[in-house]
């Protein structure tokens, strides 16, 4: 195996959960961070680019950070990214499949173009990225692939069928890889939050109230625990919930992750109801999120 720092490739890392994972691994594990995302220019409602996050990672303590433009729908883009990482570092220790597309609507309200988008980004994109890094990880006989996707709960399908099919596809990738990679030193898991997470989606589109959210740092800390788990083979192929896994690793106080210090957020997975936006202005709704008033 090549010498040098361990290397984390994080898709969708220009903001939100992906950025938080990148900064945590840079600061706490001193990993080299590959910031792989589409954002190369900043927008008012979506701040951050691959370049700004790479600079933040270096400032946080990463020995190096490589910003790479990446569209997970484009196989050539994925291959260019992986080749750039191999040329620069000679190794890949972690892939976090975090890039995602959202469409929260019923089948009758889902254009095929939107169905294709969520599947191309979520399920196919994760499959393609995993496939591209596997030769390097298998040669090393070490590495981890994390898909940011939930345990398969059929009750979560209604109202978000196309989207959940794509997210469950990511989870099935982790399940399948778990069997295929057994004994190779490479581990694959799916990871999902127990609660809603503070992000540009929950903030901009008012998905619930802030007291119902946890900070994205909980997922970042969970990824770090997975990366440093000497018994990671025991969760190979599993679909994990952040809080449950962290409790197994000895973390029992989650107050630091609250967005409202005095309120412990309720669990949102498995879902017991359909999440909808409370935003009054339909222009503020993300693609495929229902307005409560529109559903009455």
C-alpha atoms as a PDB file:
ATOM      1  CA  UNK A   1       0.000   0.000   0.000  1.00  0.00           C
ATOM      2  CA  UNK A   2       1.176   3.526  -0.739  1.00  0.00           C
ATOM      3  CA  UNK A   3       2.460   5.555   2.214  1.00  0.00           C
ATOM      4  CA  UNK A   4       0.980   8.885   3.180  1.00  0.00           C
ATOM      5  CA  UNK A   5      -2.247  10.041   4.817  1.00  0.00           C
ATOM      6  CA  UNK A   6      -5.458   8.111   4.481  1.00  0.00           C
ATOM      7  CA  UNK A   7      -7.746   9.455   1.773  1.00  0.00           C
ATOM      8  CA  UNK A   8     -11.495  10.114   1.960  1.00  0.00           C
ATOM      9  CA  UNK A   9     -13.571  10.701  -1.171  1.00  0.00           C
ATOM     10  CA  UNK A  10     -16.860  12.429  -0.332  1.00  0.00           C
ATOM     11  CA  UNK A  11     -19.462  13.096  -3.009  1.00  0.00           C
ATOM     12  CA  UNK A  12     -21.803  16.032  -2.576  1.00  0.00           C
ATOM     13  CA  UNK A  13     -19.213  17.569  -0.238  1.00  0.00           C
ATOM     14  CA  UNK A  14     -19.609  21.234  -1.169  1.00  0.00           C
ATOM     15  CA  UNK A  15     -22.168  21.881   1.580  1.00  0.00           C
ATOM     16  CA  UNK A  16     -24.382  20.362   4.270  1.00  0.00           C
ATOM     17  CA  UNK A  17     -23.743  16.859   5.539  1.00  0.00           C
ATOM     18  CA  UNK A  18     -20.980  16.136   3.030  1.00  0.00           C
ATOM     19  CA  UNK A  19     -19.061  19.266   4.032  1.00  0.00           C
ATOM     20  CA  UNK A  20     -19.445  18.423   7.729  1.00  0.00           C
ATOM     21  CA  UNK A  21     -18.069  14.912   7.162  1.00  0.00           C
ATOM     22  CA  UNK A  22     -15.141  16.355   5.217  1.00  0.00           C
ATOM     23  CA  UNK A  23     -14.262  18.883   7.927  1.00  0.00           C
ATOM     24  CA  UNK A  24     -14.565  16.330  10.741  1.00  0.00           C
ATOM     25  CA  UNK A  25     -12.277  13.815   9.028  1.00  0.00           C
ATOM     26  CA  UNK A  26      -9.816  16.598   8.217  1.00  0.00           C
ATOM     27  CA  UNK A  27      -9.775  17.906  11.780  1.00  0.00           C
ATOM     28  CA  UNK A  28     -10.014  14.710  13.813  1.00  0.00           C
ATOM     29  CA  UNK A  29      -8.347  12.095  11.602  1.00  0.00           C
ATOM     30  CA  UNK A  30      -5.992  14.273   9.515  1.00  0.00           C
ATOM     31  CA  UNK A  31      -7.164  12.516   6.377  1.00  0.00           C
ATOM     32  CA  UNK A  32      -6.588  13.902   2.902  1.00  0.00           C
ATOM     33  CA  UNK A  33     -10.011  14.962   1.650  1.00  0.00           C
ATOM     34  CA  UNK A  34     -11.308  14.698  -1.911  1.00  0.00           C
ATOM     35  CA  UNK A  35     -14.129  17.238  -2.204  1.00  0.00           C
ATOM     36  CA  UNK A  36     -16.158  15.792  -5.092  1.00  0.00           C
ATOM     37  CA  UNK A  37     -19.273  17.716  -6.118  1.00  0.00           C
ATOM     38  CA  UNK A  38     -20.911  19.708  -8.903  1.00  0.00           C
ATOM     39  CA  UNK A  39     -20.680  23.126  -7.243  1.00  0.00           C
ATOM     40  CA  UNK A  40     -17.844  25.134  -8.766  1.00  0.00           C
ATOM     41  CA  UNK A  41     -19.567  28.519  -8.421  1.00  0.00           C
ATOM     42  CA  UNK A  42     -21.446  29.830  -5.401  1.00  0.00           C
ATOM     43  CA  UNK A  43     -25.159  30.695  -5.349  1.00  0.00           C
ATOM     44  CA  UNK A  44     -26.933  32.918  -2.841  1.00  0.00           C
ATOM     45  CA  UNK A  45     -29.229  30.176  -1.516  1.00  0.00           C
ATOM     46  CA  UNK A  46     -26.604  27.428  -1.792  1.00  0.00           C
ATOM     47  CA  UNK A  47     -23.260  28.771  -0.566  1.00  0.00           C
ATOM     48  CA  UNK A  48     -20.061  26.784  -0.849  1.00  0.00           C
ATOM     49  CA  UNK A  49     -18.064  25.237  -3.667  1.00  0.00           C
ATOM     50  CA  UNK A  50     -15.609  22.375  -3.965  1.00  0.00           C
ATOM     51  CA  UNK A  51     -12.823  24.966  -3.796  1.00  0.00           C
ATOM     52  CA  UNK A  52     -14.043  26.743  -0.664  1.00  0.00           C
ATOM     53  CA  UNK A  53     -14.580  23.458   1.183  1.00  0.00           C
ATOM     54  CA  UNK A  54     -11.118  22.221   0.165  1.00  0.00           C
ATOM     55  CA  UNK A  55      -9.659  25.388   1.688  1.00  0.00           C
ATOM     56  CA  UNK A  56     -11.695  24.823   4.855  1.00  0.00           C
ATOM     57  CA  UNK A  57     -10.400  21.256   5.083  1.00  0.00           C
ATOM     58  CA  UNK A  58      -6.805  22.406   4.829  1.00  0.00           C
ATOM     59  CA  UNK A  59      -7.432  25.032   7.514  1.00  0.00           C
ATOM     60  CA  UNK A  60      -9.012  22.342   9.723  1.00  0.00           C
ATOM     61  CA  UNK A  61      -5.872  20.203   9.593  1.00  0.00           C
ATOM     62  CA  UNK A  62      -6.102  18.027   6.487  1.00  0.00           C
ATOM     63  CA  UNK A  63      -2.618  17.317   5.123  1.00  0.00           C
ATOM     64  CA  UNK A  64      -4.097  17.883   1.684  1.00  0.00           C
ATOM     65  CA  UNK A  65      -7.460  18.516   0.036  1.00  0.00           C
ATOM     66  CA  UNK A  66      -8.319  17.930  -3.602  1.00  0.00           C
ATOM     67  CA  UNK A  67     -11.360  19.672  -5.120  1.00  0.00           C
ATOM     68  CA  UNK A  68     -12.720  17.650  -8.040  1.00  0.00           C
ATOM     69  CA  UNK A  69     -15.737  18.610 -10.173  1.00  0.00           C
ATOM     70  CA  UNK A  70     -17.999  15.557 -10.198  1.00  0.00           C
ATOM     71  CA  UNK A  71     -21.365  14.723 -11.706  1.00  0.00           C
ATOM     72  CA  UNK A  72     -22.257  11.248 -10.441  1.00  0.00           C
ATOM     73  CA  UNK A  73     -24.568  10.799 -13.448  1.00  0.00           C
ATOM     74  CA  UNK A  74     -21.561  10.974 -15.776  1.00  0.00           C
ATOM     75  CA  UNK A  75     -19.440   7.814 -15.857  1.00  0.00           C
ATOM     76  CA  UNK A  76     -16.525   9.650 -17.467  1.00  0.00           C
ATOM     77  CA  UNK A  77     -16.648  12.274 -14.696  1.00  0.00           C
ATOM     78  CA  UNK A  78     -16.415   9.521 -12.084  1.00  0.00           C
ATOM     79  CA  UNK A  79     -13.495   7.841 -13.836  1.00  0.00           C
ATOM     80  CA  UNK A  80     -11.643  11.167 -14.108  1.00  0.00           C
ATOM     81  CA  UNK A  81     -12.163  11.791 -10.417  1.00  0.00           C
ATOM     82  CA  UNK A  82     -10.892   8.363  -9.367  1.00  0.00           C
ATOM     83  CA  UNK A  83      -7.890   8.613 -11.686  1.00  0.00           C
ATOM     84  CA  UNK A  84      -7.014  12.041 -10.269  1.00  0.00           C
ATOM     85  CA  UNK A  85      -7.144  10.602  -6.744  1.00  0.00           C
ATOM     86  CA  UNK A  86      -5.008   7.593  -7.687  1.00  0.00           C
ATOM     87  CA  UNK A  87      -2.449   9.796  -9.403  1.00  0.00           C
ATOM     88  CA  UNK A  88      -2.200  12.171  -6.445  1.00  0.00           C
ATOM     89  CA  UNK A  89      -2.377   9.777  -3.501  1.00  0.00           C
ATOM     90  CA  UNK A  90      -2.083   6.207  -4.770  1.00  0.00           C
ATOM     91  CA  UNK A  91      -4.809   5.051  -2.407  1.00  0.00           C
ATOM     92  CA  UNK A  92      -8.488   5.452  -1.466  1.00  0.00           C
ATOM     93  CA  UNK A  93      -9.514   4.566   2.083  1.00  0.00           C
ATOM     94  CA  UNK A  94     -13.074   5.860   2.250  1.00  0.00           C
ATOM     95  CA  UNK A  95     -15.867   6.609  -0.196  1.00  0.00           C
ATOM     96  CA  UNK A  96     -18.940   8.380   1.167  1.00  0.00           C
ATOM     97  CA  UNK A  97     -21.802   8.311  -1.354  1.00  0.00           C
ATOM     98  CA  UNK A  98     -23.498  11.465  -0.117  1.00  0.00           C
ATOM     99  CA  UNK A  99     -24.587  13.192  -3.349  1.00  0.00           C
ATOM    100  CA  UNK A 100     -28.363  13.036  -3.597  1.00  0.00           C
ATOM    101  CA  UNK A 101     -31.449  14.187  -5.475  1.00  0.00           C
ATOM    102  CA  UNK A 102     -34.816  14.832  -3.817  1.00  0.00           C
ATOM    103  CA  UNK A 103     -38.369  14.198  -5.036  1.00  0.00           C
ATOM    104  CA  UNK A 104     -41.018  13.690  -2.372  1.00  0.00           C
ATOM    105  CA  UNK A 105     -44.230  13.030  -4.269  1.00  0.00           C
ATOM    106  CA  UNK A 106     -46.685  10.284  -5.106  1.00  0.00           C
ATOM    107  CA  UNK A 107     -46.359   8.117  -8.208  1.00  0.00           C
ATOM    108  CA  UNK A 108     -49.137  10.015  -9.992  1.00  0.00           C
ATOM    109  CA  UNK A 109     -47.280  13.297  -9.390  1.00  0.00           C
ATOM    110  CA  UNK A 110     -43.863  12.035 -10.507  1.00  0.00           C
ATOM    111  CA  UNK A 111     -42.781  12.864 -14.074  1.00  0.00           C
ATOM    112  CA  UNK A 112     -40.510  10.210 -15.527  1.00  0.00           C
ATOM    113  CA  UNK A 113     -37.782  12.834 -15.867  1.00  0.00           C
ATOM    114  CA  UNK A 114     -37.791  13.239 -12.076  1.00  0.00           C
ATOM    115  CA  UNK A 115     -37.907   9.486 -11.516  1.00  0.00           C
ATOM    116  CA  UNK A 116     -34.883   9.129 -13.791  1.00  0.00           C
ATOM    117  CA  UNK A 117     -33.036  11.939 -11.971  1.00  0.00           C
ATOM    118  CA  UNK A 118     -33.344  10.497  -8.467  1.00  0.00           C
ATOM    119  CA  UNK A 119     -32.347   7.047  -9.687  1.00  0.00           C
ATOM    120  CA  UNK A 120     -29.425   8.339 -11.744  1.00  0.00           C
ATOM    121  CA  UNK A 121     -28.043  10.401  -8.855  1.00  0.00           C
ATOM    122  CA  UNK A 122     -28.934   8.225  -5.871  1.00  0.00           C
ATOM    123  CA  UNK A 123     -28.873   4.546  -6.839  1.00  0.00           C
ATOM    124  CA  UNK A 124     -26.925   4.535 -10.103  1.00  0.00           C
ATOM    125  CA  UNK A 125     -24.506   7.257  -9.020  1.00  0.00           C
ATOM    126  CA  UNK A 126     -23.618   5.405  -5.834  1.00  0.00           C
ATOM    127  CA  UNK A 127     -23.217   2.130  -7.731  1.00  0.00           C
ATOM    128  CA  UNK A 128     -20.943   3.782 -10.304  1.00  0.00           C
ATOM    129  CA  UNK A 129     -18.774   5.487  -7.676  1.00  0.00           C
ATOM    130  CA  UNK A 130     -18.426   2.288  -5.638  1.00  0.00           C
ATOM    131  CA  UNK A 131     -17.548   0.314  -8.747  1.00  0.00           C
ATOM    132  CA  UNK A 132     -14.885   2.860  -9.692  1.00  0.00           C
ATOM    133  CA  UNK A 133     -13.064   2.873  -6.320  1.00  0.00           C
ATOM    134  CA  UNK A 134     -13.243  -0.867  -5.686  1.00  0.00           C
ATOM    135  CA  UNK A 135     -10.181  -1.913  -7.726  1.00  0.00           C
ATOM    136  CA  UNK A 136      -7.988   0.403  -5.635  1.00  0.00           C
ATOM    137  CA  UNK A 137      -9.524  -0.725  -2.335  1.00  0.00           C
ATOM    138  CA  UNK A 138      -9.282  -4.404  -3.258  1.00  0.00           C
ATOM    139  CA  UNK A 139      -5.648  -3.976  -4.251  1.00  0.00           C
ATOM    140  CA  UNK A 140      -5.011  -2.370  -0.847  1.00  0.00           C
ATOM    141  CA  UNK A 141      -7.086  -5.020   0.907  1.00  0.00           C
ATOM    142  CA  UNK A 142      -8.613  -2.194   2.933  1.00  0.00           C
ATOM    143  CA  UNK A 143     -11.218   0.508   2.581  1.00  0.00           C
ATOM    144  CA  UNK A 144     -14.786   1.467   3.404  1.00  0.00           C
ATOM    145  CA  UNK A 145     -17.772   2.464   1.267  1.00  0.00           C
ATOM    146  CA  UNK A 146     -20.643   4.276   2.994  1.00  0.00           C
ATOM    147  CA  UNK A 147     -23.932   4.941   1.232  1.00  0.00           C
ATOM    148  CA  UNK A 148     -26.021   7.631   2.920  1.00  0.00           C
ATOM    149  CA  UNK A 149     -29.262   5.687   2.758  1.00  0.00           C
ATOM    150  CA  UNK A 150     -31.821   4.187   5.151  1.00  0.00           C
ATOM    151  CA  UNK A 151     -32.682   0.686   6.313  1.00  0.00           C
ATOM    152  CA  UNK A 152     -35.362  -0.734   4.032  1.00  0.00           C
ATOM    153  CA  UNK A 153     -38.743   0.074   5.596  1.00  0.00           C
ATOM    154  CA  UNK A 154     -41.631  -0.554   3.213  1.00  0.00           C
ATOM    155  CA  UNK A 155     -43.874   1.745   5.220  1.00  0.00           C
ATOM    156  CA  UNK A 156     -41.728   4.681   4.103  1.00  0.00           C
ATOM    157  CA  UNK A 157     -42.613   4.256   0.428  1.00  0.00           C
ATOM    158  CA  UNK A 158     -46.056   5.856   0.236  1.00  0.00           C
ATOM    159  CA  UNK A 159     -45.938   9.484  -0.838  1.00  0.00           C
ATOM    160  CA  UNK A 160     -42.269   9.246  -1.870  1.00  0.00           C
ATOM    161  CA  UNK A 161     -42.269   6.029  -3.877  1.00  0.00           C
ATOM    162  CA  UNK A 162     -39.835   6.966  -6.637  1.00  0.00           C
ATOM    163  CA  UNK A 163     -37.418   8.677  -4.262  1.00  0.00           C
ATOM    164  CA  UNK A 164     -37.465   5.911  -1.668  1.00  0.00           C
ATOM    165  CA  UNK A 165     -36.943   3.293  -4.383  1.00  0.00           C
ATOM    166  CA  UNK A 166     -33.743   5.138  -5.303  1.00  0.00           C
ATOM    167  CA  UNK A 167     -32.570   5.421  -1.683  1.00  0.00           C
ATOM    168  CA  UNK A 168     -33.362   1.781  -0.993  1.00  0.00           C
ATOM    169  CA  UNK A 169     -31.321   0.997  -4.124  1.00  0.00           C
ATOM    170  CA  UNK A 170     -28.335   2.595  -2.392  1.00  0.00           C
ATOM    171  CA  UNK A 171     -28.971   0.462   0.667  1.00  0.00           C
ATOM    172  CA  UNK A 172     -29.226  -2.685  -1.451  1.00  0.00           C
ATOM    173  CA  UNK A 173     -25.844  -1.754  -2.911  1.00  0.00           C
ATOM    174  CA  UNK A 174     -24.385  -1.784   0.610  1.00  0.00           C
ATOM    175  CA  UNK A 175     -26.100  -5.097   1.390  1.00  0.00           C
ATOM    176  CA  UNK A 176     -24.834  -6.671  -1.824  1.00  0.00           C
ATOM    177  CA  UNK A 177     -21.300  -5.391  -1.410  1.00  0.00           C
ATOM    178  CA  UNK A 178     -21.261  -6.733   2.122  1.00  0.00           C
ATOM    179  CA  UNK A 179     -21.561 -10.239   0.735  1.00  0.00           C
ATOM    180  CA  UNK A 180     -19.247  -9.704  -2.208  1.00  0.00           C
ATOM    181  CA  UNK A 181     -16.477  -8.119  -0.147  1.00  0.00           C
ATOM    182  CA  UNK A 182     -16.450 -10.515   2.788  1.00  0.00           C
ATOM    183  CA  UNK A 183     -12.865 -11.415   3.651  1.00  0.00           C
ATOM    184  CA  UNK A 184     -11.274  -8.801   1.376  1.00  0.00           C
ATOM    185  CA  UNK A 185     -10.603  -6.149   4.020  1.00  0.00           C
ATOM    186  CA  UNK A 186     -13.076  -3.791   2.339  1.00  0.00           C
ATOM    187  CA  UNK A 187     -16.316  -2.961   4.164  1.00  0.00           C
ATOM    188  CA  UNK A 188     -19.583  -1.475   2.890  1.00  0.00           C
ATOM    189  CA  UNK A 189     -22.386  -0.052   5.033  1.00  0.00           C
ATOM    190  CA  UNK A 190     -25.457   2.133   4.666  1.00  0.00           C
ATOM    191  CA  UNK A 191     -25.882   4.984   7.164  1.00  0.00           C
ATOM    192  CA  UNK A 192     -28.964   7.066   7.984  1.00  0.00           C
ATOM    193  CA  UNK A 193     -29.904   9.523  10.747  1.00  0.00           C
ATOM    194  CA  UNK A 194     -32.393   8.699  13.478  1.00  0.00           C
ATOM    195  CA  UNK A 195     -33.736  12.283  13.341  1.00  0.00           C
ATOM    196  CA  UNK A 196     -34.111  15.014  10.781  1.00  0.00           C
ATOM    197  CA  UNK A 197     -30.768  16.733  10.220  1.00  0.00           C
ATOM    198  CA  UNK A 198     -30.148  20.469   9.979  1.00  0.00           C
ATOM    199  CA  UNK A 199     -29.275  21.133   6.337  1.00  0.00           C
ATOM    200  CA  UNK A 200     -30.061  23.548   3.528  1.00  0.00           C
ATOM    201  CA  UNK A 201     -33.100  21.403   2.747  1.00  0.00           C
ATOM    202  CA  UNK A 202     -34.559  21.519   6.258  1.00  0.00           C
ATOM    203  CA  UNK A 203     -33.667  25.197   6.698  1.00  0.00           C
ATOM    204  CA  UNK A 204     -34.628  26.629   3.312  1.00  0.00           C
ATOM    205  CA  UNK A 205     -37.736  24.499   2.914  1.00  0.00           C
ATOM    206  CA  UNK A 206     -38.894  24.474   6.544  1.00  0.00           C
ATOM    207  CA  UNK A 207     -39.129  20.705   6.932  1.00  0.00           C
ATOM    208  CA  UNK A 208     -40.409  20.548  10.476  1.00  0.00           C
ATOM    209  CA  UNK A 209     -39.136  22.877  13.205  1.00  0.00           C
ATOM    210  CA  UNK A 210     -35.568  23.395  14.376  1.00  0.00           C
ATOM    211  CA  UNK A 211     -36.306  21.597  17.640  1.00  0.00           C
ATOM    212  CA  UNK A 212     -36.912  18.450  15.554  1.00  0.00           C
ATOM    213  CA  UNK A 213     -33.447  18.515  14.003  1.00  0.00           C
ATOM    214  CA  UNK A 214     -29.996  17.409  15.004  1.00  0.00           C
ATOM    215  CA  UNK A 215     -26.789  18.987  13.743  1.00  0.00           C
ATOM    216  CA  UNK A 216     -25.027  17.338  10.824  1.00  0.00           C
ATOM    217  CA  UNK A 217     -22.069  16.723  13.127  1.00  0.00           C
ATOM    218  CA  UNK A 218     -23.765  13.563  14.411  1.00  0.00           C
ATOM    219  CA  UNK A 219     -23.441  11.911  10.998  1.00  0.00           C
ATOM    220  CA  UNK A 220     -19.882  13.175  10.642  1.00  0.00           C
ATOM    221  CA  UNK A 221     -18.938  11.770  14.048  1.00  0.00           C
ATOM    222  CA  UNK A 222     -20.633   8.494  13.166  1.00  0.00           C
ATOM    223  CA  UNK A 223     -18.599   8.235   9.945  1.00  0.00           C
ATOM    224  CA  UNK A 224     -15.463   8.862  11.980  1.00  0.00           C
ATOM    225  CA  UNK A 225     -16.399   6.088  14.413  1.00  0.00           C
ATOM    226  CA  UNK A 226     -16.968   3.722  11.509  1.00  0.00           C
ATOM    227  CA  UNK A 227     -13.601   4.620   9.993  1.00  0.00           C
ATOM    228  CA  UNK A 228     -11.829   3.868  13.278  1.00  0.00           C
ATOM    229  CA  UNK A 229     -13.805   0.726  14.167  1.00  0.00           C
ATOM    230  CA  UNK A 230     -11.384  -2.162  14.593  1.00  0.00           C
ATOM    231  CA  UNK A 231     -14.369  -4.524  14.311  1.00  0.00           C
ATOM    232  CA  UNK A 232     -15.840  -2.904  11.191  1.00  0.00           C
ATOM    233  CA  UNK A 233     -16.116  -6.290   9.484  1.00  0.00           C
ATOM    234  CA  UNK A 234     -18.932  -7.067  11.929  1.00  0.00           C
ATOM    235  CA  UNK A 235     -21.127  -4.358  10.345  1.00  0.00           C
ATOM    236  CA  UNK A 236     -20.140  -5.177   6.758  1.00  0.00           C
ATOM    237  CA  UNK A 237     -23.282  -5.110   4.628  1.00  0.00           C
ATOM    238  CA  UNK A 238     -25.425  -3.582   7.385  1.00  0.00           C
ATOM    239  CA  UNK A 239     -27.842  -0.644   7.219  1.00  0.00           C
ATOM    240  CA  UNK A 240     -27.069   1.450  10.286  1.00  0.00           C
ATOM    241  CA  UNK A 241     -28.868   4.233  12.134  1.00  0.00           C
ATOM    242  CA  UNK A 242     -26.399   6.833  13.457  1.00  0.00           C
ATOM    243  CA  UNK A 243     -27.619   6.963  17.062  1.00  0.00           C
ATOM    244  CA  UNK A 244     -27.977   3.196  17.413  1.00  0.00           C
ATOM    245  CA  UNK A 245     -24.481   2.507  16.092  1.00  0.00           C
ATOM    246  CA  UNK A 246     -22.957   5.241  18.227  1.00  0.00           C
ATOM    247  CA  UNK A 247     -24.595   3.801  21.343  1.00  0.00           C
ATOM    248  CA  UNK A 248     -22.993   0.451  20.508  1.00  0.00           C
ATOM    249  CA  UNK A 249     -19.659   2.289  20.347  1.00  0.00           C
ATOM    250  CA  UNK A 250     -20.173   3.777  23.809  1.00  0.00           C
ATOM    251  CA  UNK A 251     -21.719   7.167  22.985  1.00  0.00           C
ATOM    252  CA  UNK A 252     -24.801   7.791  25.144  1.00  0.00           C
ATOM    253  CA  UNK A 253     -25.038  11.575  25.465  1.00  0.00           C
ATOM    254  CA  UNK A 254     -26.444  13.211  22.323  1.00  0.00           C
ATOM    255  CA  UNK A 255     -27.222  16.632  23.760  1.00  0.00           C
ATOM    256  CA  UNK A 256     -24.379  18.276  21.840  1.00  0.00           C
ATOM    257  CA  UNK A 257     -26.142  17.433  18.584  1.00  0.00           C
ATOM    258  CA  UNK A 258     -29.393  19.214  19.449  1.00  0.00           C
ATOM    259  CA  UNK A 259     -30.264  22.272  17.360  1.00  0.00           C
ATOM    260  CA  UNK A 260     -32.376  23.589  20.235  1.00  0.00           C
ATOM    261  CA  UNK A 261     -30.388  22.975  23.404  1.00  0.00           C
ATOM    262  CA  UNK A 262     -33.390  22.273  25.637  1.00  0.00           C
ATOM    263  CA  UNK A 263     -35.213  19.874  23.289  1.00  0.00           C
ATOM    264  CA  UNK A 264     -34.262  16.316  22.340  1.00  0.00           C
ATOM    265  CA  UNK A 265     -35.444  15.767  18.740  1.00  0.00           C
ATOM    266  CA  UNK A 266     -37.871  12.898  18.121  1.00  0.00           C
ATOM    267  CA  UNK A 267     -36.826   9.954  16.001  1.00  0.00           C
ATOM    268  CA  UNK A 268     -37.850  10.338  12.378  1.00  0.00           C
ATOM    269  CA  UNK A 269     -36.844   6.863  11.196  1.00  0.00           C
ATOM    270  CA  UNK A 270     -38.691   4.693  10.653  1.00  0.00           C
ATOM    271  CA  UNK A 271     -41.157   7.425   9.640  1.00  0.00           C
ATOM    272  CA  UNK A 272     -44.533   7.497  11.330  1.00  0.00           C
ATOM    273  CA  UNK A 273     -45.990  10.222   9.116  1.00  0.00           C
ATOM    274  CA  UNK A 274     -45.281  12.089   5.904  1.00  0.00           C
ATOM    275  CA  UNK A 275     -42.921  15.040   6.284  1.00  0.00           C
ATOM    276  CA  UNK A 276     -44.204  18.144   4.532  1.00  0.00           C
ATOM    277  CA  UNK A 277     -43.034  21.731   4.393  1.00  0.00           C
ATOM    278  CA  UNK A 278     -44.642  24.482   6.436  1.00  0.00           C
ATOM    279  CA  UNK A 279     -43.456  27.152   3.980  1.00  0.00           C
ATOM    280  CA  UNK A 280     -46.306  29.338   2.706  1.00  0.00           C
ATOM    281  CA  UNK A 281     -44.543  30.447  -0.474  1.00  0.00           C
ATOM    282  CA  UNK A 282     -44.553  27.613  -3.068  1.00  0.00           C
ATOM    283  CA  UNK A 283     -41.427  29.168  -4.604  1.00  0.00           C
ATOM    284  CA  UNK A 284     -39.567  28.187  -1.437  1.00  0.00           C
ATOM    285  CA  UNK A 285     -40.411  24.523  -1.765  1.00  0.00           C
ATOM    286  CA  UNK A 286     -37.775  22.108  -3.056  1.00  0.00           C
ATOM    287  CA  UNK A 287     -38.571  19.847  -6.000  1.00  0.00           C
ATOM    288  CA  UNK A 288     -41.139  17.357  -4.813  1.00  0.00           C
ATOM    289  CA  UNK A 289     -41.939  18.592  -1.301  1.00  0.00           C
ATOM    290  CA  UNK A 290     -45.604  19.090  -0.546  1.00  0.00           C
ATOM    291  CA  UNK A 291     -46.950  22.209   1.136  1.00  0.00           C
ATOM    292  CA  UNK A 292     -49.222  21.407   4.090  1.00  0.00           C
ATOM    293  CA  UNK A 293     -51.860  23.868   2.883  1.00  0.00           C
ATOM    294  CA  UNK A 294     -51.819  22.386  -0.608  1.00  0.00           C
ATOM    295  CA  UNK A 295     -52.604  18.953   0.802  1.00  0.00           C
ATOM    296  CA  UNK A 296     -55.766  20.098   2.647  1.00  0.00           C
END
